[in-house]
PDB file of N, CA and C in Angstrom:
ATOM      1  N   UNK A   1       3.821   9.275 -19.788  1.00  0.00           N
ATOM      2  CA  UNK A   1       4.765   9.954 -20.651  1.00  0.00           C
ATOM      3  C   UNK A   1       5.924  10.462 -19.804  1.00  0.00           C
ATOM      4  N   UNK A   2       7.121  10.229 -20.240  1.00  0.00           N
ATOM      5  CA  UNK A   2       8.292  10.638 -19.481  1.00  0.00           C
ATOM      6  C   UNK A   2       8.809  11.993 -19.971  1.00  0.00           C
ATOM      7  N   UNK A   3       9.771  12.510 -19.249  1.00  0.00           N
ATOM      8  CA  UNK A   3      10.344  13.834 -19.507  1.00  0.00           C
ATOM      9  C   UNK A   3      11.550  13.688 -20.432  1.00  0.00           C
ATOM     10  N   UNK A   4      11.639  14.549 -21.431  1.00  0.00           N
ATOM     11  CA  UNK A   4      12.810  14.519 -22.311  1.00  0.00           C
ATOM     12  C   UNK A   4      14.010  15.099 -21.568  1.00  0.00           C
ATOM     13  N   UNK A   5      15.220  14.662 -21.902  1.00  0.00           N
ATOM     14  CA  UNK A   5      16.415  15.211 -21.250  1.00  0.00           C
ATOM     15  C   UNK A   5      16.538  16.728 -21.410  1.00  0.00           C
ATOM     16  N   UNK A   6      16.111  17.241 -22.554  1.00  0.00           N
ATOM     17  CA  UNK A   6      16.174  18.690 -22.793  1.00  0.00           C
ATOM     18  C   UNK A   6      15.221  19.442 -21.872  1.00  0.00           C
ATOM     19  N   UNK A   7      13.994  18.931 -21.763  1.00  0.00           N
ATOM     20  CA  UNK A   7      13.010  19.566 -20.880  1.00  0.00           C
ATOM     21  C   UNK A   7      13.476  19.495 -19.430  1.00  0.00           C
ATOM     22  N   UNK A   8      14.048  18.342 -19.052  1.00  0.00           N
ATOM     23  CA  UNK A   8      14.558  18.180 -17.696  1.00  0.00           C
ATOM     24  C   UNK A   8      15.637  19.222 -17.398  1.00  0.00           C
ATOM     25  N   UNK A   9      16.583  19.404 -18.303  1.00  0.00           N
ATOM     26  CA  UNK A   9      17.666  20.373 -18.083  1.00  0.00           C
ATOM     27  C   UNK A   9      17.133  21.798 -18.013  1.00  0.00           C
ATOM     28  N   UNK A  10      16.125  22.116 -18.820  1.00  0.00           N
ATOM     29  CA  UNK A  10      15.539  23.470 -18.812  1.00  0.00           C
ATOM     30  C   UNK A  10      14.784  23.768 -17.521  1.00  0.00           C
ATOM     31  N   UNK A  11      14.189  22.751 -16.927  1.00  0.00           N
ATOM     32  CA  UNK A  11      13.385  22.928 -15.715  1.00  0.00           C
ATOM     33  C   UNK A  11      13.896  22.010 -14.604  1.00  0.00           C
ATOM     34  N   UNK A  12      15.193  21.908 -14.469  1.00  0.00           N
ATOM     35  CA  UNK A  12      15.832  20.962 -13.553  1.00  0.00           C
ATOM     36  C   UNK A  12      15.345  21.102 -12.107  1.00  0.00           C
ATOM     37  N   UNK A  13      15.293  22.308 -11.580  1.00  0.00           N
ATOM     38  CA  UNK A  13      14.860  22.512 -10.193  1.00  0.00           C
ATOM     39  C   UNK A  13      13.423  22.018  -9.990  1.00  0.00           C
ATOM     40  N   UNK A  14      12.555  22.311 -10.943  1.00  0.00           N
ATOM     41  CA  UNK A  14      11.156  21.877 -10.860  1.00  0.00           C
ATOM     42  C   UNK A  14      11.076  20.350 -10.849  1.00  0.00           C
ATOM     43  N   UNK A  15      11.731  19.710 -11.829  1.00  0.00           N
ATOM     44  CA  UNK A  15      11.656  18.252 -11.923  1.00  0.00           C
ATOM     45  C   UNK A  15      12.358  17.564 -10.756  1.00  0.00           C
ATOM     46  N   UNK A  16      13.455  18.108 -10.297  1.00  0.00           N
ATOM     47  CA  UNK A  16      14.120  17.517  -9.137  1.00  0.00           C
ATOM     48  C   UNK A  16      13.209  17.535  -7.914  1.00  0.00           C
ATOM     49  N   UNK A  17      12.502  18.646  -7.717  1.00  0.00           N
ATOM     50  CA  UNK A  17      11.591  18.718  -6.572  1.00  0.00           C
ATOM     51  C   UNK A  17      10.414  17.767  -6.748  1.00  0.00           C
ATOM     52  N   UNK A  18       9.833  17.722  -7.940  1.00  0.00           N
ATOM     53  CA  UNK A  18       8.683  16.842  -8.173  1.00  0.00           C
ATOM     54  C   UNK A  18       9.072  15.376  -8.011  1.00  0.00           C
ATOM     55  N   UNK A  19      10.263  15.027  -8.466  1.00  0.00           N
ATOM     56  CA  UNK A  19      10.747  13.658  -8.316  1.00  0.00           C
ATOM     57  C   UNK A  19      11.021  13.346  -6.835  1.00  0.00           C
ATOM     58  N   UNK A  20      11.543  14.307  -6.102  1.00  0.00           N
ATOM     59  CA  UNK A  20      11.774  14.136  -4.662  1.00  0.00           C
ATOM     60  C   UNK A  20      10.441  13.911  -3.940  1.00  0.00           C
ATOM     61  N   UNK A  21       9.447  14.698  -4.308  1.00  0.00           N
ATOM     62  CA  UNK A  21       8.110  14.567  -3.732  1.00  0.00           C
ATOM     63  C   UNK A  21       7.520  13.193  -4.058  1.00  0.00           C
ATOM     64  N   UNK A  22       7.681  12.758  -5.299  1.00  0.00           N
ATOM     65  CA  UNK A  22       7.161  11.456  -5.721  1.00  0.00           C
ATOM     66  C   UNK A  22       7.859  10.325  -4.973  1.00  0.00           C
ATOM     67  N   UNK A  23       9.152  10.431  -4.779  1.00  0.00           N
ATOM     68  CA  UNK A  23       9.902   9.422  -4.025  1.00  0.00           C
ATOM     69  C   UNK A  23       9.348   9.312  -2.602  1.00  0.00           C
ATOM     70  N   UNK A  24       9.118  10.441  -1.966  1.00  0.00           N
ATOM     71  CA  UNK A  24       8.612  10.433  -0.600  1.00  0.00           C
ATOM     72  C   UNK A  24       7.194   9.881  -0.536  1.00  0.00           C
ATOM     73  N   UNK A  25       6.383  10.161  -1.545  1.00  0.00           N
ATOM     74  CA  UNK A  25       5.040   9.584  -1.600  1.00  0.00           C
ATOM     75  C   UNK A  25       5.115   8.069  -1.712  1.00  0.00           C
ATOM     76  N   UNK A  26       6.007   7.585  -2.572  1.00  0.00           N
ATOM     77  CA  UNK A  26       6.149   6.137  -2.726  1.00  0.00           C
ATOM     78  C   UNK A  26       6.602   5.485  -1.428  1.00  0.00           C
ATOM     79  N   UNK A  27       7.546   6.113  -0.740  1.00  0.00           N
ATOM     80  CA  UNK A  27       8.047   5.550   0.512  1.00  0.00           C
ATOM     81  C   UNK A  27       6.964   5.552   1.586  1.00  0.00           C
ATOM     82  N   UNK A  28       6.192   6.629   1.665  1.00  0.00           N
ATOM     83  CA  UNK A  28       5.115   6.701   2.644  1.00  0.00           C
ATOM     84  C   UNK A  28       4.021   5.681   2.323  1.00  0.00           C
ATOM     85  N   UNK A  29       3.698   5.527   1.038  1.00  0.00           N
ATOM     86  CA  UNK A  29       2.678   4.546   0.653  1.00  0.00           C
ATOM     87  C   UNK A  29       3.127   3.139   1.038  1.00  0.00           C
ATOM     88  N   UNK A  30       4.395   2.835   0.861  1.00  0.00           N
ATOM     89  CA  UNK A  30       4.926   1.534   1.255  1.00  0.00           C
ATOM     90  C   UNK A  30       4.779   1.331   2.766  1.00  0.00           C
ATOM     91  N   UNK A  31       5.139   2.346   3.533  1.00  0.00           N
ATOM     92  CA  UNK A  31       5.018   2.250   4.991  1.00  0.00           C
ATOM     93  C   UNK A  31       3.556   2.112   5.401  1.00  0.00           C
ATOM     94  N   UNK A  32       2.683   2.881   4.778  1.00  0.00           N
ATOM     95  CA  UNK A  32       1.256   2.812   5.119  1.00  0.00           C
ATOM     96  C   UNK A  32       0.672   1.446   4.783  1.00  0.00           C
ATOM     97  N   UNK A  33       1.146   0.836   3.710  1.00  0.00           N
ATOM     98  CA  UNK A  33       0.607  -0.476   3.332  1.00  0.00           C
ATOM     99  C   UNK A  33       0.959  -1.539   4.366  1.00  0.00           C
ATOM    100  N   UNK A  34       2.068  -1.357   5.063  1.00  0.00           N
ATOM    101  CA  UNK A  34       2.450  -2.313   6.109  1.00  0.00           C
ATOM    102  C   UNK A  34       1.633  -2.103   7.383  1.00  0.00           C
ATOM    103  N   UNK A  35       1.161  -0.882   7.591  1.00  0.00           N
ATOM    104  CA  UNK A  35       0.457  -0.553   8.826  1.00  0.00           C
ATOM    105  C   UNK A  35      -1.059  -0.639   8.676  1.00  0.00           C
ATOM    106  N   UNK A  36      -1.584  -0.108   7.563  1.00  0.00           N
ATOM    107  CA  UNK A  36      -3.022   0.078   7.438  1.00  0.00           C
ATOM    108  C   UNK A  36      -3.765  -1.097   6.826  1.00  0.00           C
ATOM    109  N   UNK A  37      -3.088  -1.982   6.148  1.00  0.00           N
ATOM    110  CA  UNK A  37      -3.785  -3.110   5.529  1.00  0.00           C
ATOM    111  C   UNK A  37      -4.676  -2.677   4.389  1.00  0.00           C
ATOM    112  N   UNK A  38      -5.978  -2.939   4.509  1.00  0.00           N
ATOM    113  CA  UNK A  38      -6.919  -2.659   3.426  1.00  0.00           C
ATOM    114  C   UNK A  38      -7.242  -1.177   3.267  1.00  0.00           C
ATOM    115  N   UNK A  39      -7.078  -0.385   4.294  1.00  0.00           N
ATOM    116  CA  UNK A  39      -7.436   1.040   4.236  1.00  0.00           C
ATOM    117  C   UNK A  39      -6.208   1.908   3.962  1.00  0.00           C
ATOM    118  N   UNK A  40      -5.312   1.441   3.116  1.00  0.00           N
ATOM    119  CA  UNK A  40      -4.047   2.119   2.858  1.00  0.00           C
ATOM    120  C   UNK A  40      -4.229   3.526   2.312  1.00  0.00           C
ATOM    121  N   UNK A  41      -5.131   3.719   1.349  1.00  0.00           N
ATOM    122  CA  UNK A  41      -5.281   5.035   0.714  1.00  0.00           C
ATOM    123  C   UNK A  41      -5.746   6.104   1.699  1.00  0.00           C
ATOM    124  N   UNK A  42      -6.693   5.775   2.533  1.00  0.00           N
ATOM    125  CA  UNK A  42      -7.175   6.744   3.528  1.00  0.00           C
ATOM    126  C   UNK A  42      -6.079   7.092   4.524  1.00  0.00           C
ATOM    127  N   UNK A  43      -5.375   6.072   4.966  1.00  0.00           N
ATOM    128  CA  UNK A  43      -4.283   6.286   5.918  1.00  0.00           C
ATOM    129  C   UNK A  43      -3.172   7.112   5.273  1.00  0.00           C
ATOM    130  N   UNK A  44      -2.844   6.795   4.012  1.00  0.00           N
ATOM    131  CA  UNK A  44      -1.835   7.555   3.280  1.00  0.00           C
ATOM    132  C   UNK A  44      -2.229   9.026   3.187  1.00  0.00           C
ATOM    133  N   UNK A  45      -3.470   9.304   2.794  1.00  0.00           N
ATOM    134  CA  UNK A  45      -3.935  10.696   2.661  1.00  0.00           C
ATOM    135  C   UNK A  45      -3.800  11.453   3.979  1.00  0.00           C
ATOM    136  N   UNK A  46      -4.157  10.803   5.060  1.00  0.00           N
ATOM    137  CA  UNK A  46      -4.046  11.417   6.381  1.00  0.00           C
ATOM    138  C   UNK A  46      -2.584  11.710   6.727  1.00  0.00           C
ATOM    139  N   UNK A  47      -1.715  10.746   6.483  1.00  0.00           N
ATOM    140  CA  UNK A  47      -0.296  10.912   6.800  1.00  0.00           C
ATOM    141  C   UNK A  47       0.379  11.932   5.869  1.00  0.00           C
ATOM    142  N   UNK A  48       0.039  11.908   4.586  1.00  0.00           N
ATOM    143  CA  UNK A  48       0.661  12.835   3.634  1.00  0.00           C
ATOM    144  C   UNK A  48       0.316  14.281   3.980  1.00  0.00           C
ATOM    145  N   UNK A  49      -0.879  14.503   4.472  1.00  0.00           N
ATOM    146  CA  UNK A  49      -1.286  15.862   4.862  1.00  0.00           C
ATOM    147  C   UNK A  49      -0.429  16.383   6.018  1.00  0.00           C
ATOM    148  N   UNK A  50       0.147  15.485   6.801  1.00  0.00           N
ATOM    149  CA  UNK A  50       0.976  15.874   7.943  1.00  0.00           C
ATOM    150  C   UNK A  50       2.465  16.001   7.592  1.00  0.00           C
ATOM    151  N   UNK A  51       2.816  15.602   6.389  1.00  0.00           N
ATOM    152  CA  UNK A  51       4.211  15.541   5.951  1.00  0.00           C
ATOM    153  C   UNK A  51       4.671  16.925   5.509  1.00  0.00           C
ATOM    154  N   UNK A  52       5.760  17.435   6.071  1.00  0.00           N
ATOM    155  CA  UNK A  52       6.301  18.746   5.694  1.00  0.00           C
ATOM    156  C   UNK A  52       7.386  18.587   4.630  1.00  0.00           C
ATOM    157  N   UNK A  53       7.432  19.535   3.697  1.00  0.00           N
ATOM    158  CA  UNK A  53       8.448  19.501   2.634  1.00  0.00           C
ATOM    159  C   UNK A  53       9.861  19.472   3.211  1.00  0.00           C
ATOM    160  N   UNK A  54      10.068  20.137   4.324  1.00  0.00           N
ATOM    161  CA  UNK A  54      11.412  20.188   4.919  1.00  0.00           C
ATOM    162  C   UNK A  54      11.871  18.804   5.381  1.00  0.00           C
ATOM    163  N   UNK A  55      10.929  17.876   5.531  1.00  0.00           N
ATOM    164  CA  UNK A  55      11.254  16.527   5.981  1.00  0.00           C
ATOM    165  C   UNK A  55      11.448  15.534   4.835  1.00  0.00           C
ATOM    166  N   UNK A  56      11.289  16.002   3.590  1.00  0.00           N
ATOM    167  CA  UNK A  56      11.465  15.103   2.448  1.00  0.00           C
ATOM    168  C   UNK A  56      12.877  14.541   2.425  1.00  0.00           C
ATOM    169  N   UNK A  57      12.978  13.275   2.083  1.00  0.00           N
ATOM    170  CA  UNK A  57      14.263  12.605   1.914  1.00  0.00           C
ATOM    171  C   UNK A  57      14.659  12.669   0.434  1.00  0.00           C
ATOM    172  N   UNK A  58      15.953  12.727   0.177  1.00  0.00           N
ATOM    173  CA  UNK A  58      16.454  12.715  -1.197  1.00  0.00           C
ATOM    174  C   UNK A  58      16.352  11.291  -1.748  1.00  0.00           C
ATOM    175  N   UNK A  59      15.884  11.161  -2.986  1.00  0.00           N
ATOM    176  CA  UNK A  59      15.846   9.818  -3.570  1.00  0.00           C
ATOM    177  C   UNK A  59      17.252   9.335  -3.918  1.00  0.00           C
ATOM    178  N   UNK A  60      17.490   8.042  -3.855  1.00  0.00           N
ATOM    179  CA  UNK A  60      18.789   7.510  -4.265  1.00  0.00           C
ATOM    180  C   UNK A  60      19.011   7.754  -5.763  1.00  0.00           C
ATOM    181  N   UNK A  61      20.242   7.801  -6.186  1.00  0.00           N
ATOM    182  CA  UNK A  61      20.563   8.068  -7.594  1.00  0.00           C
ATOM    183  C   UNK A  61      19.980   7.029  -8.545  1.00  0.00           C
ATOM    184  N   UNK A  62      19.827   5.809  -8.083  1.00  0.00           N
ATOM    185  CA  UNK A  62      19.321   4.748  -8.957  1.00  0.00           C
ATOM    186  C   UNK A  62      17.806   4.560  -8.880  1.00  0.00           C
ATOM    187  N   UNK A  63      17.105   5.448  -8.184  1.00  0.00           N
ATOM    188  CA  UNK A  63      15.654   5.330  -8.028  1.00  0.00           C
ATOM    189  C   UNK A  63      14.956   5.641  -9.345  1.00  0.00           C
ATOM    190  N   UNK A  64      13.979   4.816  -9.685  1.00  0.00           N
ATOM    191  CA  UNK A  64      13.146   5.022 -10.870  1.00  0.00           C
ATOM    192  C   UNK A  64      11.709   5.174 -10.402  1.00  0.00           C
ATOM    193  N   UNK A  65      11.078   6.327 -10.700  1.00  0.00           N
ATOM    194  CA  UNK A  65       9.697   6.538 -10.255  1.00  0.00           C
ATOM    195  C   UNK A  65       8.743   5.500 -10.845  1.00  0.00           C
ATOM    196  N   UNK A  66       7.788   5.070 -10.050  1.00  0.00           N
ATOM    197  CA  UNK A  66       6.752   4.162 -10.551  1.00  0.00           C
ATOM    198  C   UNK A  66       5.867   4.882 -11.564  1.00  0.00           C
ATOM    199  N   UNK A  67       5.621   6.171 -11.325  1.00  0.00           N
ATOM    200  CA  UNK A  67       4.808   6.977 -12.222  1.00  0.00           C
ATOM    201  C   UNK A  67       5.680   7.435 -13.400  1.00  0.00           C
ATOM    202  N   UNK A  68       5.378   6.992 -14.621  1.00  0.00           N
ATOM    203  CA  UNK A  68       6.211   7.351 -15.779  1.00  0.00           C
ATOM    204  C   UNK A  68       6.279   8.857 -16.043  1.00  0.00           C
ATOM    205  N   UNK A  69       5.340   9.611 -15.523  1.00  0.00           N
ATOM    206  CA  UNK A  69       5.334  11.072 -15.718  1.00  0.00           C
ATOM    207  C   UNK A  69       6.627  11.716 -15.205  1.00  0.00           C
ATOM    208  N   UNK A  70       7.240  11.133 -14.200  1.00  0.00           N
ATOM    209  CA  UNK A  70       8.441  11.727 -13.586  1.00  0.00           C
ATOM    210  C   UNK A  70       9.736  11.027 -13.993  1.00  0.00           C
ATOM    211  N   UNK A  71       9.654  10.129 -14.946  1.00  0.00           N
ATOM    212  CA  UNK A  71      10.863   9.462 -15.458  1.00  0.00           C
ATOM    213  C   UNK A  71      11.532  10.348 -16.508  1.00  0.00           C
ATOM    214  N   UNK A  72      12.840  10.214 -16.621  1.00  0.00           N
ATOM    215  CA  UNK A  72      13.603  10.995 -17.592  1.00  0.00           C
ATOM    216  C   UNK A  72      14.053  10.050 -18.699  1.00  0.00           C
ATOM    217  N   UNK A  73      13.655  10.370 -19.941  1.00  0.00           N
ATOM    218  CA  UNK A  73      14.029   9.538 -21.087  1.00  0.00           C
ATOM    219  C   UNK A  73      15.547   9.385 -21.158  1.00  0.00           C
ATOM    220  N   UNK A  74      15.990   8.171 -21.399  1.00  0.00           N
ATOM    221  CA  UNK A  74      17.404   7.915 -21.582  1.00  0.00           C
ATOM    222  C   UNK A  74      18.180   7.714 -20.292  1.00  0.00           C
ATOM    223  N   UNK A  75      17.581   8.071 -19.154  1.00  0.00           N
ATOM    224  CA  UNK A  75      18.262   7.894 -17.859  1.00  0.00           C
ATOM    225  C   UNK A  75      17.647   6.746 -17.083  1.00  0.00           C
ATOM    226  N   UNK A  76      16.395   6.411 -17.375  1.00  0.00           N
ATOM    227  CA  UNK A  76      15.690   5.388 -16.602  1.00  0.00           C
ATOM    228  C   UNK A  76      14.944   4.449 -17.530  1.00  0.00           C
TER     229      UNK A  76
END
Protein backbone atom coordinates (compact mmCIF):
# COMPACT_ATOMS: atom_id res chain seq x y z
CA UNK A 1 0.00 0.00 0.00
CA UNK A 2 1.41 3.38 -0.95
CA UNK A 3 1.20 6.74 0.81
CA UNK A 4 -1.42 9.29 -0.21
CA UNK A 5 -0.11 12.74 -1.21
CA UNK A 6 -2.06 14.28 1.68
CA UNK A 7 -0.57 11.92 4.25
CA UNK A 8 2.88 12.50 2.77
CA UNK A 9 2.54 16.30 3.10
CA UNK A 10 1.25 15.99 6.69
CA UNK A 11 4.18 13.78 7.73
CA UNK A 12 6.77 14.88 5.17
CA UNK A 13 9.82 14.72 7.47
CA UNK A 14 8.89 11.20 8.62
CA UNK A 15 8.31 9.87 5.10
CA UNK A 16 11.38 11.59 3.68
CA UNK A 17 13.54 9.92 6.32
CA UNK A 18 11.90 6.50 5.88
CA UNK A 19 12.33 6.73 2.11
CA UNK A 20 15.98 7.77 2.57
CA UNK A 21 16.51 4.77 4.85
CA UNK A 22 14.81 2.46 2.34
CA UNK A 23 16.98 3.80 -0.49
CA UNK A 24 20.13 3.09 1.51
CA UNK A 25 18.91 -0.41 2.36
CA UNK A 26 18.30 -1.12 -1.31
CA UNK A 27 21.75 0.16 -2.26
CA UNK A 28 23.44 -1.87 0.47
CA UNK A 29 21.50 -5.00 -0.50
CA UNK A 30 22.66 -4.55 -4.10
CA UNK A 31 26.28 -4.21 -2.97
CA UNK A 32 25.98 -7.21 -0.64
CA UNK A 33 24.54 -9.35 -3.43
CA UNK A 34 27.67 -8.72 -5.49
CA UNK A 35 29.97 -9.65 -2.61
CA UNK A 36 28.19 -12.33 -0.58
CA UNK A 37 26.61 -14.52 -3.24
CA UNK A 38 24.18 -16.97 -1.64
CA UNK A 39 24.50 -15.61 1.92
CA UNK A 40 23.33 -12.10 1.00
CA UNK A 41 20.75 -11.68 3.79
CA UNK A 42 23.16 -12.55 6.60
CA UNK A 43 25.85 -10.32 5.16
CA UNK A 44 23.32 -7.51 4.67
CA UNK A 45 22.14 -7.76 8.31
CA UNK A 46 25.73 -7.60 9.53
CA UNK A 47 26.55 -4.60 7.34
CA UNK A 48 23.29 -2.74 8.06
CA UNK A 49 23.97 -2.97 11.80
CA UNK A 50 27.22 -1.07 11.17
CA UNK A 51 25.60 1.63 9.02
CA UNK A 52 25.17 5.03 10.73
CA UNK A 53 22.25 7.35 9.88
CA UNK A 54 24.71 10.21 9.37
CA UNK A 55 26.17 8.24 6.45
CA UNK A 56 22.87 7.80 4.60
CA UNK A 57 22.89 9.02 1.01
CA UNK A 58 20.01 11.05 -0.42
CA UNK A 59 17.95 9.15 -2.97
CA UNK A 60 17.80 10.59 -6.49
CA UNK A 61 14.61 12.48 -7.36
CA UNK A 62 13.54 9.80 -9.82
CA UNK A 63 14.04 6.88 -7.40
CA UNK A 64 11.03 4.61 -6.87
CA UNK A 65 11.14 2.35 -3.80
CA UNK A 66 10.85 -1.38 -4.46
CA UNK A 67 8.69 -1.64 -1.34
CA UNK A 68 5.26 -0.15 -2.22
CA UNK A 69 4.80 0.93 1.42
CA UNK A 70 7.12 3.90 0.79
CA UNK A 71 5.77 4.93 -2.62
CA UNK A 72 3.73 8.12 -2.94
CA UNK A 73 0.49 7.86 -4.92
CA UNK A 74 0.51 10.00 -8.03
CA UNK A 75 4.27 10.65 -7.91
CA UNK A 76 5.56 7.14 -8.64
